[in-house]
Amino acid sequence: MSKYPQAYVEYLVFFHAHRDYFECHEVMEEYWKNHPEDPLSRAYVGLIQTAVAMYHQRRGNFKGAVKMLDSARELLTKDRLERLGIDADAFTTILEQRSKQLHSKEPAPFTDLDIPLADDELYRECLEQCGKQQLIWSAPSNGDNESLIHKHTLRDRSDVIEARARELYLRQKRG
């Protein structure tokens, strides 16, 4: 049994193998919302923001990427990263470099970012999940996959719209 939440392992696989930053956000946000008392909740938010920053940068939304990455960097403290099995010093350096890139007048084209893991057991668990799904760890993004790059605009949101309408109806009913 893993010492890490399954959602975190899934996040890492989406981040490094699928390069599906939207799903990283989805899986980690669901876990974070359902575990508000988790002592690493701020770190989960930082990881969510890191994935969102990558999603924005890959789509050319540099302003959104800067905002998310700068916020993530504040939340991803050395202690929190280490407790998540991440090489804190290496990852902090990677995030600083990416932030400098994004803050430049002409940001460099998108390149994938890897989260350096310090915990060999966590790394093996991620590789095992990749094997089960026939995925390759650290595979490059597929820049031609429109459904991956523009996922938030292409997904079916009918359940979200229905839930919001239901909430509005209940609020209006209560007065």
N, C-alpha and C. Protein backbone atom coordinates (compact mmCIF):
# COMPACT_ATOMS: atom_id res chain seq x y z
N MET A 1 0.84 -1.19 0.00
CA MET A 1 0.00 0.00 0.00
C MET A 1 0.89 1.25 0.00
N SER A 2 0.50 2.21 -0.80
CA SER A 2 1.27 3.44 -0.95
C SER A 2 1.09 4.36 0.25
N LYS A 3 2.13 5.11 0.56
CA LYS A 3 2.02 6.10 1.63
C LYS A 3 1.46 7.41 1.09
N TYR A 4 1.18 7.45 -0.20
CA TYR A 4 0.64 8.64 -0.85
C TYR A 4 -0.80 8.38 -1.30
N PRO A 5 -1.62 9.42 -1.36
CA PRO A 5 -2.98 9.24 -1.87
C PRO A 5 -2.96 8.77 -3.33
N GLN A 6 -3.88 7.91 -3.67
CA GLN A 6 -3.97 7.41 -5.04
C GLN A 6 -4.15 8.56 -6.03
N ALA A 7 -4.89 9.58 -5.64
CA ALA A 7 -5.10 10.74 -6.52
C ALA A 7 -3.78 11.42 -6.86
N TYR A 8 -2.87 11.46 -5.92
CA TYR A 8 -1.56 12.08 -6.15
C TYR A 8 -0.76 11.26 -7.17
N VAL A 9 -0.80 9.94 -7.04
CA VAL A 9 -0.11 9.08 -8.00
C VAL A 9 -0.74 9.27 -9.39
N GLU A 10 -2.07 9.33 -9.44
CA GLU A 10 -2.75 9.56 -10.72
C GLU A 10 -2.34 10.91 -11.31
N TYR A 11 -2.27 11.92 -10.46
CA TYR A 11 -1.82 13.25 -10.90
C TYR A 11 -0.45 13.14 -11.57
N LEU A 12 0.48 12.46 -10.91
CA LEU A 12 1.83 12.33 -11.45
C LEU A 12 1.85 11.60 -12.79
N VAL A 13 1.01 10.58 -12.93
CA VAL A 13 0.94 9.84 -14.19
C VAL A 13 0.33 10.72 -15.28
N PHE A 14 -0.73 11.46 -14.96
CA PHE A 14 -1.30 12.39 -15.95
C PHE A 14 -0.26 13.45 -16.34
N PHE A 15 0.52 13.91 -15.36
CA PHE A 15 1.49 14.98 -15.59
C PHE A 15 2.66 14.51 -16.45
N HIS A 16 3.17 13.32 -16.18
CA HIS A 16 4.40 12.85 -16.83
C HIS A 16 4.19 11.92 -18.02
N ALA A 17 3.10 11.21 -18.07
CA ALA A 17 2.90 10.22 -19.14
C ALA A 17 1.83 10.66 -20.14
N HIS A 18 0.68 11.04 -19.65
CA HIS A 18 -0.37 11.54 -20.55
C HIS A 18 -0.07 12.97 -21.01
N ARG A 19 0.60 13.73 -20.14
CA ARG A 19 0.81 15.17 -20.32
C ARG A 19 -0.55 15.87 -20.42
N ASP A 20 -1.50 15.33 -19.69
CA ASP A 20 -2.86 15.87 -19.66
C ASP A 20 -3.00 16.72 -18.40
N TYR A 21 -2.62 17.99 -18.53
CA TYR A 21 -2.59 18.88 -17.38
C TYR A 21 -4.00 19.21 -16.88
N PHE A 22 -4.97 19.15 -17.78
CA PHE A 22 -6.36 19.38 -17.37
C PHE A 22 -6.80 18.27 -16.42
N GLU A 23 -6.50 17.03 -16.75
CA GLU A 23 -6.88 15.92 -15.87
C GLU A 23 -6.10 15.95 -14.57
N CYS A 24 -4.86 16.42 -14.61
CA CYS A 24 -4.10 16.61 -13.36
C CYS A 24 -4.91 17.47 -12.41
N HIS A 25 -5.39 18.58 -12.96
CA HIS A 25 -6.20 19.52 -12.19
C HIS A 25 -7.45 18.83 -11.64
N GLU A 26 -8.14 18.12 -12.49
CA GLU A 26 -9.40 17.48 -12.09
C GLU A 26 -9.20 16.47 -10.96
N VAL A 27 -8.24 15.56 -11.13
CA VAL A 27 -8.05 14.49 -10.16
C VAL A 27 -7.55 15.03 -8.82
N MET A 28 -6.64 15.99 -8.87
CA MET A 28 -6.09 16.52 -7.62
C MET A 28 -7.08 17.43 -6.92
N GLU A 29 -7.84 18.20 -7.71
CA GLU A 29 -8.84 19.10 -7.10
C GLU A 29 -9.92 18.30 -6.38
N GLU A 30 -10.36 17.21 -6.99
CA GLU A 30 -11.38 16.38 -6.34
C GLU A 30 -10.86 15.85 -5.01
N TYR A 31 -9.62 15.37 -5.01
CA TYR A 31 -9.04 14.86 -3.76
C TYR A 31 -8.93 15.98 -2.73
N TRP A 32 -8.41 17.11 -3.14
CA TRP A 32 -8.20 18.25 -2.24
C TRP A 32 -9.53 18.70 -1.62
N LYS A 33 -10.57 18.80 -2.44
CA LYS A 33 -11.87 19.25 -1.93
C LYS A 33 -12.48 18.24 -0.96
N ASN A 34 -12.23 16.96 -1.20
CA ASN A 34 -12.78 15.92 -0.33
C ASN A 34 -11.95 15.65 0.92
N HIS A 35 -10.78 16.27 1.01
CA HIS A 35 -9.89 16.08 2.16
C HIS A 35 -9.37 17.43 2.65
N PRO A 36 -10.28 18.31 3.07
CA PRO A 36 -9.86 19.67 3.45
C PRO A 36 -8.93 19.72 4.66
N GLU A 37 -8.95 18.68 5.48
CA GLU A 37 -8.11 18.67 6.69
C GLU A 37 -6.73 18.07 6.45
N ASP A 38 -6.47 17.61 5.23
CA ASP A 38 -5.17 17.01 4.93
C ASP A 38 -4.08 18.06 5.16
N PRO A 39 -3.05 17.73 5.92
CA PRO A 39 -2.00 18.71 6.21
C PRO A 39 -1.23 19.18 4.96
N LEU A 40 -1.37 18.45 3.87
CA LEU A 40 -0.69 18.84 2.63
C LEU A 40 -1.63 19.51 1.63
N SER A 41 -2.79 19.95 2.11
CA SER A 41 -3.78 20.52 1.19
C SER A 41 -3.23 21.72 0.41
N ARG A 42 -2.41 22.55 1.05
CA ARG A 42 -1.84 23.70 0.35
C ARG A 42 -0.86 23.23 -0.75
N ALA A 43 -0.17 22.16 -0.49
CA ALA A 43 0.73 21.60 -1.51
C ALA A 43 -0.07 21.07 -2.70
N TYR A 44 -1.22 20.45 -2.41
CA TYR A 44 -2.07 19.94 -3.50
C TYR A 44 -2.54 21.10 -4.37
N VAL A 45 -2.90 22.21 -3.73
CA VAL A 45 -3.31 23.39 -4.50
C VAL A 45 -2.14 23.87 -5.36
N GLY A 46 -0.95 23.87 -4.80
CA GLY A 46 0.23 24.26 -5.57
C GLY A 46 0.48 23.35 -6.77
N LEU A 47 0.25 22.06 -6.59
CA LEU A 47 0.41 21.12 -7.71
C LEU A 47 -0.68 21.34 -8.76
N ILE A 48 -1.90 21.59 -8.29
CA ILE A 48 -2.99 21.90 -9.22
C ILE A 48 -2.61 23.13 -10.04
N GLN A 49 -2.13 24.17 -9.36
CA GLN A 49 -1.76 25.40 -10.05
C GLN A 49 -0.59 25.19 -11.01
N THR A 50 0.32 24.31 -10.67
CA THR A 50 1.43 24.00 -11.57
C THR A 50 0.89 23.37 -12.86
N ALA A 51 -0.03 22.42 -12.72
CA ALA A 51 -0.62 21.79 -13.90
C ALA A 51 -1.40 22.80 -14.73
N VAL A 52 -2.15 23.67 -14.07
CA VAL A 52 -2.91 24.69 -14.79
C VAL A 52 -1.96 25.65 -15.52
N ALA A 53 -0.85 25.99 -14.89
CA ALA A 53 0.15 26.84 -15.54
C ALA A 53 0.68 26.18 -16.81
N MET A 54 0.96 24.88 -16.74
CA MET A 54 1.46 24.16 -17.92
C MET A 54 0.38 24.13 -19.01
N TYR A 55 -0.86 23.92 -18.61
CA TYR A 55 -1.98 23.90 -19.55
C TYR A 55 -2.07 25.25 -20.27
N HIS A 56 -2.02 26.33 -19.50
CA HIS A 56 -2.10 27.67 -20.09
C HIS A 56 -0.91 27.95 -21.00
N GLN A 57 0.29 27.62 -20.54
CA GLN A 57 1.47 27.90 -21.36
C GLN A 57 1.40 27.14 -22.68
N ARG A 58 1.02 25.89 -22.63
CA ARG A 58 0.95 25.08 -23.85
C ARG A 58 -0.05 25.67 -24.85
N ARG A 59 -1.09 26.34 -24.33
CA ARG A 59 -2.10 26.96 -25.19
C ARG A 59 -1.72 28.38 -25.61
N GLY A 60 -0.58 28.89 -25.11
CA GLY A 60 -0.16 30.23 -25.47
C GLY A 60 -0.72 31.32 -24.58
N ASN A 61 -1.38 30.94 -23.49
CA ASN A 61 -1.92 31.91 -22.53
C ASN A 61 -0.84 32.18 -21.47
N PHE A 62 0.11 33.02 -21.83
CA PHE A 62 1.26 33.26 -20.95
C PHE A 62 0.86 34.01 -19.69
N LYS A 63 -0.09 34.92 -19.81
CA LYS A 63 -0.54 35.67 -18.63
C LYS A 63 -1.13 34.72 -17.59
N GLY A 64 -1.98 33.80 -18.03
CA GLY A 64 -2.56 32.82 -17.12
C GLY A 64 -1.51 31.89 -16.54
N ALA A 65 -0.54 31.52 -17.36
CA ALA A 65 0.54 30.64 -16.90
C ALA A 65 1.37 31.31 -15.82
N VAL A 66 1.70 32.58 -16.02
CA VAL A 66 2.49 33.33 -15.03
C VAL A 66 1.74 33.41 -13.71
N LYS A 67 0.47 33.76 -13.78
CA LYS A 67 -0.33 33.91 -12.56
C LYS A 67 -0.37 32.60 -11.77
N MET A 68 -0.64 31.50 -12.45
CA MET A 68 -0.73 30.21 -11.77
C MET A 68 0.61 29.75 -11.24
N LEU A 69 1.65 29.89 -12.04
CA LEU A 69 2.96 29.41 -11.62
C LEU A 69 3.50 30.21 -10.44
N ASP A 70 3.31 31.52 -10.47
CA ASP A 70 3.78 32.34 -9.35
C ASP A 70 3.05 31.99 -8.06
N SER A 71 1.76 31.72 -8.17
CA SER A 71 0.98 31.32 -7.00
C SER A 71 1.42 29.94 -6.50
N ALA A 72 1.65 29.03 -7.43
CA ALA A 72 2.09 27.67 -7.06
C ALA A 72 3.41 27.71 -6.32
N ARG A 73 4.31 28.54 -6.79
CA ARG A 73 5.65 28.62 -6.17
C ARG A 73 5.55 29.05 -4.71
N GLU A 74 4.59 29.89 -4.39
CA GLU A 74 4.42 30.32 -3.00
C GLU A 74 3.93 29.18 -2.11
N LEU A 75 3.11 28.30 -2.67
CA LEU A 75 2.53 27.21 -1.88
C LEU A 75 3.44 25.98 -1.77
N LEU A 76 4.30 25.80 -2.74
CA LEU A 76 5.14 24.59 -2.78
C LEU A 76 6.43 24.81 -2.01
N THR A 77 6.29 24.79 -0.70
CA THR A 77 7.45 24.98 0.17
C THR A 77 8.31 23.72 0.19
N LYS A 78 9.55 23.90 0.61
CA LYS A 78 10.50 22.78 0.68
C LYS A 78 9.93 21.63 1.51
N ASP A 79 9.40 21.92 2.68
CA ASP A 79 8.86 20.89 3.55
C ASP A 79 7.71 20.15 2.88
N ARG A 80 6.80 20.88 2.28
CA ARG A 80 5.64 20.25 1.62
C ARG A 80 6.09 19.36 0.46
N LEU A 81 7.01 19.86 -0.34
CA LEU A 81 7.49 19.08 -1.48
C LEU A 81 8.17 17.80 -1.01
N GLU A 82 9.00 17.92 0.00
CA GLU A 82 9.70 16.73 0.51
C GLU A 82 8.72 15.71 1.06
N ARG A 83 7.66 16.16 1.72
CA ARG A 83 6.66 15.23 2.26
C ARG A 83 5.88 14.53 1.15
N LEU A 84 5.92 15.09 -0.05
CA LEU A 84 5.28 14.46 -1.20
C LEU A 84 6.27 13.66 -2.05
N GLY A 85 7.47 13.45 -1.52
CA GLY A 85 8.45 12.63 -2.23
C GLY A 85 9.08 13.32 -3.42
N ILE A 86 9.04 14.65 -3.43
CA ILE A 86 9.60 15.44 -4.53
C ILE A 86 10.96 15.99 -4.11
N ASP A 87 11.90 16.01 -5.03
CA ASP A 87 13.20 16.63 -4.79
C ASP A 87 12.96 18.14 -4.77
N ALA A 88 12.82 18.69 -3.58
CA ALA A 88 12.40 20.08 -3.40
C ALA A 88 13.35 21.07 -4.04
N ASP A 89 14.65 20.88 -3.84
CA ASP A 89 15.61 21.84 -4.39
C ASP A 89 15.58 21.84 -5.92
N ALA A 90 15.56 20.66 -6.50
CA ALA A 90 15.54 20.56 -7.97
C ALA A 90 14.25 21.13 -8.54
N PHE A 91 13.11 20.80 -7.92
CA PHE A 91 11.83 21.27 -8.45
C PHE A 91 11.69 22.79 -8.28
N THR A 92 12.16 23.31 -7.17
CA THR A 92 12.12 24.76 -6.96
C THR A 92 12.93 25.47 -8.04
N THR A 93 14.08 24.93 -8.37
CA THR A 93 14.92 25.50 -9.43
C THR A 93 14.20 25.45 -10.78
N ILE A 94 13.58 24.32 -11.07
CA ILE A 94 12.83 24.15 -12.33
C ILE A 94 11.71 25.18 -12.42
N LEU A 95 10.97 25.35 -11.32
CA LEU A 95 9.87 26.32 -11.32
C LEU A 95 10.38 27.75 -11.46
N GLU A 96 11.49 28.06 -10.82
CA GLU A 96 12.09 29.40 -10.95
C GLU A 96 12.49 29.67 -12.40
N GLN A 97 13.11 28.68 -13.03
CA GLN A 97 13.53 28.84 -14.43
C GLN A 97 12.33 29.03 -15.34
N ARG A 98 11.29 28.25 -15.12
CA ARG A 98 10.09 28.37 -15.95
C ARG A 98 9.44 29.73 -15.73
N SER A 99 9.42 30.19 -14.50
CA SER A 99 8.84 31.50 -14.20
C SER A 99 9.61 32.61 -14.92
N LYS A 100 10.93 32.54 -14.90
CA LYS A 100 11.75 33.54 -15.60
C LYS A 100 11.44 33.53 -17.09
N GLN A 101 11.30 32.33 -17.65
CA GLN A 101 10.94 32.19 -19.07
C GLN A 101 9.63 32.90 -19.36
N LEU A 102 8.64 32.63 -18.51
CA LEU A 102 7.31 33.18 -18.73
C LEU A 102 7.26 34.69 -18.53
N HIS A 103 8.10 35.20 -17.65
CA HIS A 103 8.13 36.64 -17.38
C HIS A 103 8.91 37.42 -18.44
N SER A 104 9.64 36.73 -19.30
CA SER A 104 10.43 37.43 -20.31
C SER A 104 9.51 38.06 -21.35
N LYS A 105 10.05 39.03 -22.06
CA LYS A 105 9.24 39.75 -23.06
C LYS A 105 8.71 38.81 -24.14
N GLU A 106 9.52 37.83 -24.50
CA GLU A 106 9.10 36.85 -25.50
C GLU A 106 9.32 35.45 -24.94
N PRO A 107 8.29 34.91 -24.27
CA PRO A 107 8.45 33.58 -23.66
C PRO A 107 8.82 32.53 -24.70
N ALA A 108 9.66 31.62 -24.28
CA ALA A 108 10.08 30.52 -25.15
C ALA A 108 8.89 29.61 -25.43
N PRO A 109 8.95 28.87 -26.53
CA PRO A 109 7.87 27.91 -26.82
C PRO A 109 7.73 26.90 -25.67
N PHE A 110 6.57 26.33 -25.58
CA PHE A 110 6.29 25.37 -24.52
C PHE A 110 7.20 24.15 -24.61
N THR A 111 7.70 23.74 -23.48
CA THR A 111 8.39 22.46 -23.34
C THR A 111 7.82 21.78 -22.10
N ASP A 112 7.78 20.47 -22.14
CA ASP A 112 7.27 19.73 -20.99
C ASP A 112 8.17 19.95 -19.79
N LEU A 113 7.56 19.86 -18.64
CA LEU A 113 8.26 20.02 -17.38
C LEU A 113 8.07 18.72 -16.59
N ASP A 114 9.12 18.21 -16.02
CA ASP A 114 9.03 17.01 -15.17
C ASP A 114 9.22 17.40 -13.71
N ILE A 115 8.49 16.74 -12.86
CA ILE A 115 8.61 16.93 -11.42
C ILE A 115 9.62 15.89 -10.93
N PRO A 116 10.77 16.32 -10.45
CA PRO A 116 11.79 15.35 -10.01
C PRO A 116 11.38 14.68 -8.69
N LEU A 117 11.27 13.38 -8.73
CA LEU A 117 10.87 12.63 -7.53
C LEU A 117 12.11 12.17 -6.77
N ALA A 118 12.05 12.31 -5.46
CA ALA A 118 13.14 11.87 -4.59
C ALA A 118 12.84 10.51 -3.98
N ASP A 119 11.57 10.13 -3.95
CA ASP A 119 11.15 8.88 -3.34
C ASP A 119 11.12 7.78 -4.41
N ASP A 120 12.07 6.86 -4.34
CA ASP A 120 12.16 5.78 -5.33
C ASP A 120 10.92 4.90 -5.34
N GLU A 121 10.32 4.70 -4.18
CA GLU A 121 9.10 3.88 -4.09
C GLU A 121 7.96 4.55 -4.86
N LEU A 122 7.83 5.85 -4.71
CA LEU A 122 6.80 6.60 -5.44
C LEU A 122 7.07 6.53 -6.94
N TYR A 123 8.30 6.69 -7.32
CA TYR A 123 8.68 6.62 -8.74
C TYR A 123 8.32 5.25 -9.32
N ARG A 124 8.64 4.18 -8.59
CA ARG A 124 8.31 2.83 -9.05
C ARG A 124 6.79 2.65 -9.16
N GLU A 125 6.06 3.20 -8.20
CA GLU A 125 4.60 3.10 -8.24
C GLU A 125 4.04 3.80 -9.49
N CYS A 126 4.59 4.95 -9.81
CA CYS A 126 4.16 5.68 -11.00
C CYS A 126 4.50 4.89 -12.27
N LEU A 127 5.70 4.31 -12.32
CA LEU A 127 6.09 3.51 -13.48
C LEU A 127 5.18 2.29 -13.63
N GLU A 128 4.82 1.69 -12.50
CA GLU A 128 3.91 0.54 -12.53
C GLU A 128 2.56 0.95 -13.12
N GLN A 129 2.04 2.10 -12.70
CA GLN A 129 0.77 2.59 -13.25
C GLN A 129 0.90 2.87 -14.74
N CYS A 130 2.03 3.42 -15.15
CA CYS A 130 2.26 3.65 -16.57
C CYS A 130 2.25 2.33 -17.34
N GLY A 131 2.91 1.32 -16.79
CA GLY A 131 2.95 0.02 -17.44
C GLY A 131 1.56 -0.57 -17.61
N LYS A 132 0.73 -0.46 -16.59
CA LYS A 132 -0.64 -0.98 -16.66
C LYS A 132 -1.46 -0.28 -17.74
N GLN A 133 -1.13 0.99 -17.99
CA GLN A 133 -1.88 1.77 -18.97
C GLN A 133 -1.15 1.88 -20.32
N GLN A 134 -0.04 1.16 -20.43
CA GLN A 134 0.79 1.18 -21.64
C GLN A 134 1.21 2.61 -22.00
N LEU A 135 1.69 3.32 -20.99
CA LEU A 135 2.16 4.69 -21.14
C LEU A 135 3.65 4.76 -20.90
N ILE A 136 4.25 5.83 -21.37
CA ILE A 136 5.68 6.04 -21.17
C ILE A 136 5.88 7.25 -20.26
N TRP A 137 6.59 7.03 -19.17
CA TRP A 137 6.91 8.11 -18.22
C TRP A 137 7.82 9.12 -18.93
N SER A 138 7.56 10.37 -18.74
CA SER A 138 8.32 11.48 -19.34
C SER A 138 8.17 11.54 -20.86
N ALA A 139 7.10 10.98 -21.36
CA ALA A 139 6.83 11.09 -22.80
C ALA A 139 6.55 12.55 -23.14
N PRO A 140 6.95 12.98 -24.34
CA PRO A 140 6.67 14.38 -24.72
C PRO A 140 5.19 14.59 -25.01
N SER A 141 4.77 15.83 -24.84
CA SER A 141 3.39 16.19 -25.18
C SER A 141 3.14 15.97 -26.66
N ASN A 142 1.92 15.62 -26.98
CA ASN A 142 1.51 15.52 -28.38
C ASN A 142 0.89 16.86 -28.76
N GLY A 143 1.69 17.72 -29.36
CA GLY A 143 1.24 19.06 -29.72
C GLY A 143 0.18 19.09 -30.80
N ASP A 144 -0.07 17.96 -31.45
CA ASP A 144 -1.09 17.90 -32.49
C ASP A 144 -2.44 17.43 -31.95
N ASN A 145 -2.49 17.04 -30.68
CA ASN A 145 -3.72 16.51 -30.09
C ASN A 145 -4.58 17.66 -29.58
N GLU A 146 -5.50 18.12 -30.42
CA GLU A 146 -6.36 19.26 -30.07
C GLU A 146 -7.20 18.99 -28.83
N SER A 147 -7.66 17.75 -28.67
CA SER A 147 -8.50 17.45 -27.50
C SER A 147 -7.70 17.52 -26.21
N LEU A 148 -6.40 17.33 -26.29
CA LEU A 148 -5.54 17.45 -25.12
C LEU A 148 -5.22 18.92 -24.83
N ILE A 149 -4.93 19.66 -25.87
CA ILE A 149 -4.50 21.05 -25.71
C ILE A 149 -5.66 21.99 -25.38
N HIS A 150 -6.82 21.72 -25.92
CA HIS A 150 -7.97 22.61 -25.72
C HIS A 150 -9.10 21.90 -24.97
N LYS A 151 -8.74 21.03 -24.07
CA LYS A 151 -9.71 20.14 -23.41
C LYS A 151 -10.85 20.89 -22.74
N HIS A 152 -10.55 22.00 -22.08
CA HIS A 152 -11.60 22.70 -21.34
C HIS A 152 -12.67 23.27 -22.27
N THR A 153 -12.34 23.51 -23.53
CA THR A 153 -13.33 24.05 -24.46
C THR A 153 -14.11 22.94 -25.18
N LEU A 154 -13.61 21.72 -25.13
CA LEU A 154 -14.20 20.63 -25.88
C LEU A 154 -14.98 19.63 -25.03
N ARG A 155 -14.85 19.72 -23.72
CA ARG A 155 -15.47 18.71 -22.86
C ARG A 155 -16.98 18.94 -22.71
N ASP A 156 -17.68 17.88 -22.36
CA ASP A 156 -19.11 17.95 -22.08
C ASP A 156 -19.30 18.49 -20.67
N ARG A 157 -19.93 19.63 -20.56
CA ARG A 157 -20.12 20.27 -19.26
C ARG A 157 -21.57 20.21 -18.82
N SER A 158 -22.39 19.37 -19.44
CA SER A 158 -23.82 19.34 -19.13
C SER A 158 -24.07 19.02 -17.66
N ASP A 159 -23.26 18.15 -17.05
CA ASP A 159 -23.46 17.82 -15.64
C ASP A 159 -23.16 19.02 -14.75
N VAL A 160 -22.15 19.82 -15.10
CA VAL A 160 -21.80 21.01 -14.32
C VAL A 160 -22.91 22.05 -14.45
N ILE A 161 -23.39 22.25 -15.67
CA ILE A 161 -24.46 23.23 -15.91
C ILE A 161 -25.72 22.82 -15.17
N GLU A 162 -26.04 21.53 -15.21
CA GLU A 162 -27.22 21.02 -14.51
C GLU A 162 -27.09 21.22 -13.00
N ALA A 163 -25.94 20.93 -12.44
CA ALA A 163 -25.72 21.09 -10.99
C ALA A 163 -25.85 22.56 -10.59
N ARG A 164 -25.30 23.46 -11.38
CA ARG A 164 -25.41 24.89 -11.08
C ARG A 164 -26.85 25.37 -11.16
N ALA A 165 -27.60 24.89 -12.14
CA ALA A 165 -29.01 25.26 -12.26
C ALA A 165 -29.79 24.75 -11.05
N ARG A 166 -29.48 23.55 -10.61
CA ARG A 166 -30.15 22.97 -9.45
C ARG A 166 -29.85 23.79 -8.19
N GLU A 167 -28.59 24.19 -8.02
CA GLU A 167 -28.20 25.02 -6.87
C GLU A 167 -28.91 26.36 -6.90
N LEU A 168 -29.00 26.98 -8.07
CA LEU A 168 -29.69 28.26 -8.21
C LEU A 168 -31.16 28.11 -7.86
N TYR A 169 -31.78 27.06 -8.35
CA TYR A 169 -33.19 26.81 -8.06
C TYR A 169 -33.41 26.67 -6.55
N LEU A 170 -32.55 25.89 -5.88
CA LEU A 170 -32.69 25.70 -4.43
C LEU A 170 -32.48 27.00 -3.67
N ARG A 171 -31.54 27.82 -4.09
CA ARG A 171 -31.32 29.12 -3.43
C ARG A 171 -32.53 30.02 -3.60
N GLN A 172 -33.10 30.04 -4.80
CA GLN A 172 -34.27 30.88 -5.06
C GLN A 172 -35.48 30.37 -4.28
N LYS A 173 -35.58 29.07 -4.15
CA LYS A 173 -36.69 28.46 -3.43
C LYS A 173 -36.64 28.82 -1.94
N ARG A 174 -35.40 28.86 -1.39
CA ARG A 174 -35.23 29.21 0.02
C ARG A 174 -35.48 30.69 0.26
N GLY A 175 -35.37 31.47 -0.78
CA GLY A 175 -35.64 32.91 -0.66
C GLY A 175 -34.47 33.65 -0.35
